[in-house]
Amino acid sequence: FNIVDDLQKRMHVPRGGGQFSFYMTDGEDSEVTFGGYRAEHLASDIVWAPVTAQSWWQIAIDDITFNNMPKGLCNGQCQV
């Protein structure tokens, strides 16, 4: 089951619009957008990452950072 593929098949999201984005806040309404993203919600430039396991939208990361401090937990091997 892939919700983005299902939405495309039902023509709710245009073909080629297999993107989705999350906007989460503490004090306002959060949202998920299918078919792209809303530029007004961007806090920085988008960083694209290749998917390493399509069935889970899994990607590889180099490390985990808290308060801008790398924790050295992954050694470039983590999958999230």
PDB file of N, CA and C in Angstrom:
ATOM      1  N   PHE A   1       0.834  -1.180   0.000  1.00  0.00           N
ATOM      2  CA  PHE A   1       0.000   0.000   0.000  1.00  0.00           C
ATOM      3  C   PHE A   1       0.873   1.236   0.000  1.00  0.00           C
ATOM      4  N   ASN A   2       0.620   2.135  -0.925  1.00  0.00           N
ATOM      5  CA  ASN A   2       1.343   3.392  -1.020  1.00  0.00           C
ATOM      6  C   ASN A   2       0.303   4.477  -1.234  1.00  0.00           C
ATOM      7  N   ILE A   3       0.097   5.336  -0.249  1.00  0.00           N
ATOM      8  CA  ILE A   3      -0.977   6.330  -0.330  1.00  0.00           C
ATOM      9  C   ILE A   3      -0.773   7.313  -1.477  1.00  0.00           C
ATOM     10  N   VAL A   4       0.471   7.678  -1.773  1.00  0.00           N
ATOM     11  CA  VAL A   4       0.725   8.611  -2.873  1.00  0.00           C
ATOM     12  C   VAL A   4       0.355   7.969  -4.201  1.00  0.00           C
ATOM     13  N   ASP A   5       0.753   6.703  -4.418  1.00  0.00           N
ATOM     14  CA  ASP A   5       0.368   5.998  -5.647  1.00  0.00           C
ATOM     15  C   ASP A   5      -1.142   5.886  -5.753  1.00  0.00           C
ATOM     16  N   ASP A   6      -1.813   5.579  -4.657  1.00  0.00           N
ATOM     17  CA  ASP A   6      -3.263   5.456  -4.654  1.00  0.00           C
ATOM     18  C   ASP A   6      -3.931   6.783  -5.017  1.00  0.00           C
ATOM     19  N   LEU A   7      -3.459   7.874  -4.461  1.00  0.00           N
ATOM     20  CA  LEU A   7      -4.012   9.193  -4.786  1.00  0.00           C
ATOM     21  C   LEU A   7      -3.786   9.540  -6.254  1.00  0.00           C
ATOM     22  N   GLN A   8      -2.628   9.163  -6.817  1.00  0.00           N
ATOM     23  CA  GLN A   8      -2.374   9.409  -8.229  1.00  0.00           C
ATOM     24  C   GLN A   8      -3.313   8.604  -9.111  1.00  0.00           C
ATOM     25  N   LYS A   9      -3.535   7.335  -8.776  1.00  0.00           N
ATOM     26  CA  LYS A   9      -4.427   6.485  -9.567  1.00  0.00           C
ATOM     27  C   LYS A   9      -5.849   7.031  -9.572  1.00  0.00           C
ATOM     28  N   ARG A  10      -6.264   7.617  -8.475  1.00  0.00           N
ATOM     29  CA  ARG A  10      -7.615   8.176  -8.378  1.00  0.00           C
ATOM     30  C   ARG A  10      -7.691   9.614  -8.882  1.00  0.00           C
ATOM     31  N   MET A  11      -6.558  10.119  -9.416  1.00  0.00           N
ATOM     32  CA  MET A  11      -6.481  11.449 -10.007  1.00  0.00           C
ATOM     33  C   MET A  11      -6.663  12.582  -9.000  1.00  0.00           C
ATOM     34  N   HIS A  12      -6.372  12.327  -7.731  1.00  0.00           N
ATOM     35  CA  HIS A  12      -6.420  13.384  -6.723  1.00  0.00           C
ATOM     36  C   HIS A  12      -5.096  14.141  -6.673  1.00  0.00           C
ATOM     37  N   VAL A  13      -4.030  13.506  -7.153  1.00  0.00           N
ATOM     38  CA  VAL A  13      -2.702  14.105  -7.223  1.00  0.00           C
ATOM     39  C   VAL A  13      -2.223  13.915  -8.651  1.00  0.00           C
ATOM     40  N   PRO A  14      -1.708  14.978  -9.301  1.00  0.00           N
ATOM     41  CA  PRO A  14      -1.266  14.830 -10.691  1.00  0.00           C
ATOM     42  C   PRO A  14      -0.139  13.808 -10.841  1.00  0.00           C
ATOM     43  N   ARG A  15      -0.107  13.131 -12.002  1.00  0.00           N
ATOM     44  CA  ARG A  15       0.989  12.200 -12.310  1.00  0.00           C
ATOM     45  C   ARG A  15       2.307  12.948 -12.208  1.00  0.00           C
ATOM     46  N   GLY A  16       3.311  12.290 -11.685  1.00  0.00           N
ATOM     47  CA  GLY A  16       4.601  12.940 -11.501  1.00  0.00           C
ATOM     48  C   GLY A  16       4.651  13.778 -10.237  1.00  0.00           C
ATOM     49  N   GLY A  17       3.534  13.858  -9.513  1.00  0.00           N
ATOM     50  CA  GLY A  17       3.483  14.640  -8.285  1.00  0.00           C
ATOM     51  C   GLY A  17       3.622  13.753  -7.076  1.00  0.00           C
ATOM     52  N   GLY A  18       4.546  12.799  -7.119  1.00  0.00           N
ATOM     53  CA  GLY A  18       4.706  11.827  -6.054  1.00  0.00           C
ATOM     54  C   GLY A  18       5.393  12.373  -4.819  1.00  0.00           C
ATOM     55  N   GLN A  19       5.445  13.670  -4.689  1.00  0.00           N
ATOM     56  CA  GLN A  19       6.038  14.270  -3.497  1.00  0.00           C
ATOM     57  C   GLN A  19       4.976  14.417  -2.416  1.00  0.00           C
ATOM     58  N   PHE A  20       5.433  14.427  -1.195  1.00  0.00           N
ATOM     59  CA  PHE A  20       4.567  14.798  -0.086  1.00  0.00           C
ATOM     60  C   PHE A  20       5.422  15.513   0.934  1.00  0.00           C
ATOM     61  N   SER A  21       4.805  16.360   1.727  1.00  0.00           N
ATOM     62  CA  SER A  21       5.566  17.130   2.712  1.00  0.00           C
ATOM     63  C   SER A  21       4.759  17.258   3.995  1.00  0.00           C
ATOM     64  N   PHE A  22       5.487  17.451   5.078  1.00  0.00           N
ATOM     65  CA  PHE A  22       4.880  17.651   6.391  1.00  0.00           C
ATOM     66  C   PHE A  22       5.243  19.034   6.893  1.00  0.00           C
ATOM     67  N   TYR A  23       4.283  19.708   7.495  1.00  0.00           N
ATOM     68  CA  TYR A  23       4.514  20.972   8.185  1.00  0.00           C
ATOM     69  C   TYR A  23       3.988  20.774   9.596  1.00  0.00           C
ATOM     70  N   MET A  24       4.889  20.805  10.568  1.00  0.00           N
ATOM     71  CA  MET A  24       4.487  20.551  11.954  1.00  0.00           C
ATOM     72  C   MET A  24       4.864  21.732  12.829  1.00  0.00           C
ATOM     73  N   THR A  25       3.954  22.112  13.701  1.00  0.00           N
ATOM     74  CA  THR A  25       4.204  23.213  14.620  1.00  0.00           C
ATOM     75  C   THR A  25       3.738  22.820  16.016  1.00  0.00           C
ATOM     76  N   ASP A  26       4.158  23.585  16.997  1.00  0.00           N
ATOM     77  CA  ASP A  26       3.689  23.374  18.364  1.00  0.00           C
ATOM     78  C   ASP A  26       2.405  24.142  18.642  1.00  0.00           C
ATOM     79  N   GLY A  27       2.287  25.337  18.059  1.00  0.00           N
ATOM     80  CA  GLY A  27       1.170  26.189  18.429  1.00  0.00           C
ATOM     81  C   GLY A  27       0.150  26.451  17.341  1.00  0.00           C
ATOM     82  N   GLU A  28       0.396  26.023  16.116  1.00  0.00           N
ATOM     83  CA  GLU A  28      -0.535  26.263  15.012  1.00  0.00           C
ATOM     84  C   GLU A  28      -0.999  24.938  14.438  1.00  0.00           C
ATOM     85  N   ASP A  29      -1.820  25.019  13.393  1.00  0.00           N
ATOM     86  CA  ASP A  29      -2.262  23.803  12.719  1.00  0.00           C
ATOM     87  C   ASP A  29      -1.121  23.201  11.917  1.00  0.00           C
ATOM     88  N   SER A  30      -0.896  21.911  12.067  1.00  0.00           N
ATOM     89  CA  SER A  30       0.078  21.179  11.267  1.00  0.00           C
ATOM     90  C   SER A  30      -0.640  20.618  10.050  1.00  0.00           C
ATOM     91  N   GLU A  31       0.117  20.210   9.031  1.00  0.00           N
ATOM     92  CA  GLU A  31      -0.531  19.674   7.835  1.00  0.00           C
ATOM     93  C   GLU A  31       0.407  18.754   7.077  1.00  0.00           C
ATOM     94  N   VAL A  32      -0.185  17.915   6.240  1.00  0.00           N
ATOM     95  CA  VAL A  32       0.559  17.122   5.268  1.00  0.00           C
ATOM     96  C   VAL A  32       0.039  17.550   3.899  1.00  0.00           C
ATOM     97  N   THR A  33       0.957  17.732   2.949  1.00  0.00           N
ATOM     98  CA  THR A  33       0.602  18.146   1.594  1.00  0.00           C
ATOM     99  C   THR A  33       1.029  17.054   0.635  1.00  0.00           C
ATOM    100  N   PHE A  34       0.109  16.571  -0.182  1.00  0.00           N
ATOM    101  CA  PHE A  34       0.409  15.558  -1.192  1.00  0.00           C
ATOM    102  C   PHE A  34       0.540  16.234  -2.548  1.00  0.00           C
ATOM    103  N   GLY A  35       1.556  15.843  -3.312  1.00  0.00           N
ATOM    104  CA  GLY A  35       1.754  16.398  -4.646  1.00  0.00           C
ATOM    105  C   GLY A  35       2.738  17.551  -4.671  1.00  0.00           C
ATOM    106  N   GLY A  36       3.417  17.824  -3.574  1.00  0.00           N
ATOM    107  CA  GLY A  36       4.397  18.907  -3.555  1.00  0.00           C
ATOM    108  C   GLY A  36       4.600  19.438  -2.152  1.00  0.00           C
ATOM    109  N   TYR A  37       4.863  20.731  -2.073  1.00  0.00           N
ATOM    110  CA  TYR A  37       5.067  21.383  -0.783  1.00  0.00           C
ATOM    111  C   TYR A  37       4.623  22.839  -0.907  1.00  0.00           C
ATOM    112  N   ARG A  38       4.415  23.475   0.213  1.00  0.00           N
ATOM    113  CA  ARG A  38       4.029  24.887   0.237  1.00  0.00           C
ATOM    114  C   ARG A  38       5.253  25.711   0.620  1.00  0.00           C
ATOM    115  N   ALA A  39       5.742  26.502  -0.327  1.00  0.00           N
ATOM    116  CA  ALA A  39       6.978  27.263  -0.139  1.00  0.00           C
ATOM    117  C   ALA A  39       6.907  28.192   1.068  1.00  0.00           C
ATOM    118  N   GLU A  40       5.730  28.678   1.402  1.00  0.00           N
ATOM    119  CA  GLU A  40       5.618  29.603   2.537  1.00  0.00           C
ATOM    120  C   GLU A  40       5.906  28.925   3.875  1.00  0.00           C
ATOM    121  N   HIS A  41       5.925  27.598   3.910  1.00  0.00           N
ATOM    122  CA  HIS A  41       6.232  26.874   5.144  1.00  0.00           C
ATOM    123  C   HIS A  41       7.718  26.494   5.270  1.00  0.00           C
ATOM    124  N   LEU A  42       8.525  26.784   4.264  1.00  0.00           N
ATOM    125  CA  LEU A  42       9.930  26.393   4.295  1.00  0.00           C
ATOM    126  C   LEU A  42      10.719  27.284   5.250  1.00  0.00           C
ATOM    127  N   ALA A  43      11.504  26.659   6.117  1.00  0.00           N
ATOM    128  CA  ALA A  43      12.394  27.396   7.016  1.00  0.00           C
ATOM    129  C   ALA A  43      13.805  27.471   6.430  1.00  0.00           C
ATOM    130  N   SER A  44      14.086  26.627   5.419  1.00  0.00           N
ATOM    131  CA  SER A  44      15.402  26.607   4.781  1.00  0.00           C
ATOM    132  C   SER A  44      15.230  25.991   3.394  1.00  0.00           C
ATOM    133  N   ASP A  45      16.327  25.891   2.665  1.00  0.00           N
ATOM    134  CA  ASP A  45      16.283  25.230   1.369  1.00  0.00           C
ATOM    135  C   ASP A  45      15.941  23.755   1.557  1.00  0.00           C
ATOM    136  N   ILE A  46      15.324  23.163   0.553  1.00  0.00           N
ATOM    137  CA  ILE A  46      14.996  21.740   0.587  1.00  0.00           C
ATOM    138  C   ILE A  46      16.261  20.930   0.327  1.00  0.00           C
ATOM    139  N   VAL A  47      16.428  19.865   1.071  1.00  0.00           N
ATOM    140  CA  VAL A  47      17.529  18.931   0.859  1.00  0.00           C
ATOM    141  C   VAL A  47      16.908  17.623   0.370  1.00  0.00           C
ATOM    142  N   TRP A  48      17.226  17.232  -0.867  1.00  0.00           N
ATOM    143  CA  TRP A  48      16.684  16.005  -1.438  1.00  0.00           C
ATOM    144  C   TRP A  48      17.589  14.841  -1.070  1.00  0.00           C
ATOM    145  N   ALA A  49      16.991  13.725  -0.686  1.00  0.00           N
ATOM    146  CA  ALA A  49      17.744  12.529  -0.320  1.00  0.00           C
ATOM    147  C   ALA A  49      17.218  11.343  -1.119  1.00  0.00           C
ATOM    148  N   PRO A  50      18.112  10.514  -1.669  1.00  0.00           N
ATOM    149  CA  PRO A  50      17.639   9.341  -2.398  1.00  0.00           C
ATOM    150  C   PRO A  50      17.020   8.314  -1.452  1.00  0.00           C
ATOM    151  N   VAL A  51      15.945   7.710  -1.897  1.00  0.00           N
ATOM    152  CA  VAL A  51      15.270   6.671  -1.121  1.00  0.00           C
ATOM    153  C   VAL A  51      16.067   5.382  -1.256  1.00  0.00           C
ATOM    154  N   THR A  52      16.367   4.715  -0.122  1.00  0.00           N
ATOM    155  CA  THR A  52      17.136   3.474  -0.167  1.00  0.00           C
ATOM    156  C   THR A  52      16.261   2.231  -0.092  1.00  0.00           C
ATOM    157  N   ALA A  53      15.023   2.367   0.370  1.00  0.00           N
ATOM    158  CA  ALA A  53      14.058   1.264   0.398  1.00  0.00           C
ATOM    159  C   ALA A  53      12.687   1.852   0.090  1.00  0.00           C
ATOM    160  N   GLN A  54      12.237   1.710  -1.154  1.00  0.00           N
ATOM    161  CA  GLN A  54      11.022   2.389  -1.595  1.00  0.00           C
ATOM    162  C   GLN A  54       9.773   1.965  -0.834  1.00  0.00           C
ATOM    163  N   SER A  55       9.706   0.740  -0.392  1.00  0.00           N
ATOM    164  CA  SER A  55       8.478   0.308   0.283  1.00  0.00           C
ATOM    165  C   SER A  55       8.267   1.041   1.597  1.00  0.00           C
ATOM    166  N   TRP A  56       9.340   1.598   2.159  1.00  0.00           N
ATOM    167  CA  TRP A  56       9.228   2.313   3.441  1.00  0.00           C
ATOM    168  C   TRP A  56       9.638   3.775   3.331  1.00  0.00           C
ATOM    169  N   TRP A  57       9.962   4.270   2.127  1.00  0.00           N
ATOM    170  CA  TRP A  57      10.508   5.625   1.951  1.00  0.00           C
ATOM    171  C   TRP A  57      11.706   5.817   2.867  1.00  0.00           C
ATOM    172  N   GLN A  58      12.537   4.819   2.932  1.00  0.00           N
ATOM    173  CA  GLN A  58      13.706   4.813   3.808  1.00  0.00           C
ATOM    174  C   GLN A  58      14.859   5.547   3.142  1.00  0.00           C
ATOM    175  N   ILE A  59      15.592   6.336   3.928  1.00  0.00           N
ATOM    176  CA  ILE A  59      16.767   7.036   3.429  1.00  0.00           C
ATOM    177  C   ILE A  59      17.947   6.792   4.363  1.00  0.00           C
ATOM    178  N   ALA A  60      19.148   7.019   3.849  1.00  0.00           N
ATOM    179  CA  ALA A  60      20.361   6.904   4.654  1.00  0.00           C
ATOM    180  C   ALA A  60      20.708   8.273   5.226  1.00  0.00           C
ATOM    181  N   ILE A  61      21.227   8.302   6.457  1.00  0.00           N
ATOM    182  CA  ILE A  61      21.707   9.553   7.056  1.00  0.00           C
ATOM    183  C   ILE A  61      23.131   9.342   7.579  1.00  0.00           C
ATOM    184  N   ASP A  62      23.860  10.435   7.673  1.00  0.00           N
ATOM    185  CA  ASP A  62      25.240  10.375   8.156  1.00  0.00           C
ATOM    186  C   ASP A  62      25.317  10.334   9.671  1.00  0.00           C
ATOM    187  N   ASP A  63      24.421  11.084  10.341  1.00  0.00           N
ATOM    188  CA  ASP A  63      24.485  11.182  11.791  1.00  0.00           C
ATOM    189  C   ASP A  63      23.188  11.798  12.312  1.00  0.00           C
ATOM    190  N   ILE A  64      23.042  11.804  13.605  1.00  0.00           N
ATOM    191  CA  ILE A  64      21.925  12.445  14.290  1.00  0.00           C
ATOM    192  C   ILE A  64      22.485  13.634  15.062  1.00  0.00           C
ATOM    193  N   THR A  65      21.789  14.772  14.974  1.00  0.00           N
ATOM    194  CA  THR A  65      22.265  15.999  15.594  1.00  0.00           C
ATOM    195  C   THR A  65      21.224  16.539  16.557  1.00  0.00           C
ATOM    196  N   PHE A  66      21.644  16.944  17.747  1.00  0.00           N
ATOM    197  CA  PHE A  66      20.788  17.618  18.716  1.00  0.00           C
ATOM    198  C   PHE A  66      21.417  18.961  19.044  1.00  0.00           C
ATOM    199  N   ASN A  67      20.606  20.026  18.965  1.00  0.00           N
ATOM    200  CA  ASN A  67      21.118  21.378  19.231  1.00  0.00           C
ATOM    201  C   ASN A  67      22.383  21.679  18.435  1.00  0.00           C
ATOM    202  N   ASN A  68      22.373  21.299  17.161  1.00  0.00           N
ATOM    203  CA  ASN A  68      23.491  21.523  16.235  1.00  0.00           C
ATOM    204  C   ASN A  68      24.782  20.801  16.638  1.00  0.00           C
ATOM    205  N   MET A  69      24.670  19.793  17.472  1.00  0.00           N
ATOM    206  CA  MET A  69      25.843  19.025  17.896  1.00  0.00           C
ATOM    207  C   MET A  69      25.720  17.583  17.384  1.00  0.00           C
ATOM    208  N   PRO A  70      26.563  17.176  16.406  1.00  0.00           N
ATOM    209  CA  PRO A  70      26.536  15.785  15.946  1.00  0.00           C
ATOM    210  C   PRO A  70      26.834  14.830  17.103  1.00  0.00           C
ATOM    211  N   LYS A  71      26.117  13.699  17.112  1.00  0.00           N
ATOM    212  CA  LYS A  71      26.262  12.749  18.210  1.00  0.00           C
ATOM    213  C   LYS A  71      27.155  11.558  17.879  1.00  0.00           C
ATOM    214  N   GLY A  72      27.571  11.400  16.628  1.00  0.00           N
ATOM    215  CA  GLY A  72      28.465  10.301  16.270  1.00  0.00           C
ATOM    216  C   GLY A  72      27.839   8.929  16.461  1.00  0.00           C
ATOM    217  N   LEU A  73      26.535   8.819  16.261  1.00  0.00           N
ATOM    218  CA  LEU A  73      25.838   7.560  16.502  1.00  0.00           C
ATOM    219  C   LEU A  73      25.773   6.657  15.281  1.00  0.00           C
ATOM    220  N   CYS A  74      25.971   7.223  14.096  1.00  0.00           N
ATOM    221  CA  CYS A  74      25.704   6.445  12.875  1.00  0.00           C
ATOM    222  C   CYS A  74      26.927   6.007  12.102  1.00  0.00           C
ATOM    223  N   ASN A  75      27.993   6.746  12.190  1.00  0.00           N
ATOM    224  CA  ASN A  75      29.166   6.467  11.351  1.00  0.00           C
ATOM    225  C   ASN A  75      28.793   6.346   9.886  1.00  0.00           C
ATOM    226  N   GLY A  76      27.818   7.157   9.429  1.00  0.00           N
ATOM    227  CA  GLY A  76      27.377   7.137   8.044  1.00  0.00           C
ATOM    228  C   GLY A  76      26.585   5.911   7.668  1.00  0.00           C
ATOM    229  N   GLN A  77      26.107   5.130   8.630  1.00  0.00           N
ATOM    230  CA  GLN A  77      25.450   3.848   8.366  1.00  0.00           C
ATOM    231  C   GLN A  77      23.978   3.800   8.710  1.00  0.00           C
ATOM    232  N   CYS A  78      23.386   4.861   9.246  1.00  0.00           N
ATOM    233  CA  CYS A  78      21.987   4.800   9.708  1.00  0.00           C
ATOM    234  C   CYS A  78      21.001   4.831   8.548  1.00  0.00           C
ATOM    235  N   GLN A  79      19.930   4.099   8.693  1.00  0.00           N
ATOM    236  CA  GLN A  79      18.809   4.090   7.755  1.00  0.00           C
ATOM    237  C   GLN A  79      17.569   4.520   8.534  1.00  0.00           C
ATOM    238  N   VAL A  80      16.881   5.525   8.014  1.00  0.00           N
ATOM    239  CA  VAL A  80      15.678   6.029   8.698  1.00  0.00           C
ATOM    240  C   VAL A  80      14.519   6.121   7.745  1.00  0.00           C
TER     241      VAL A  80
END
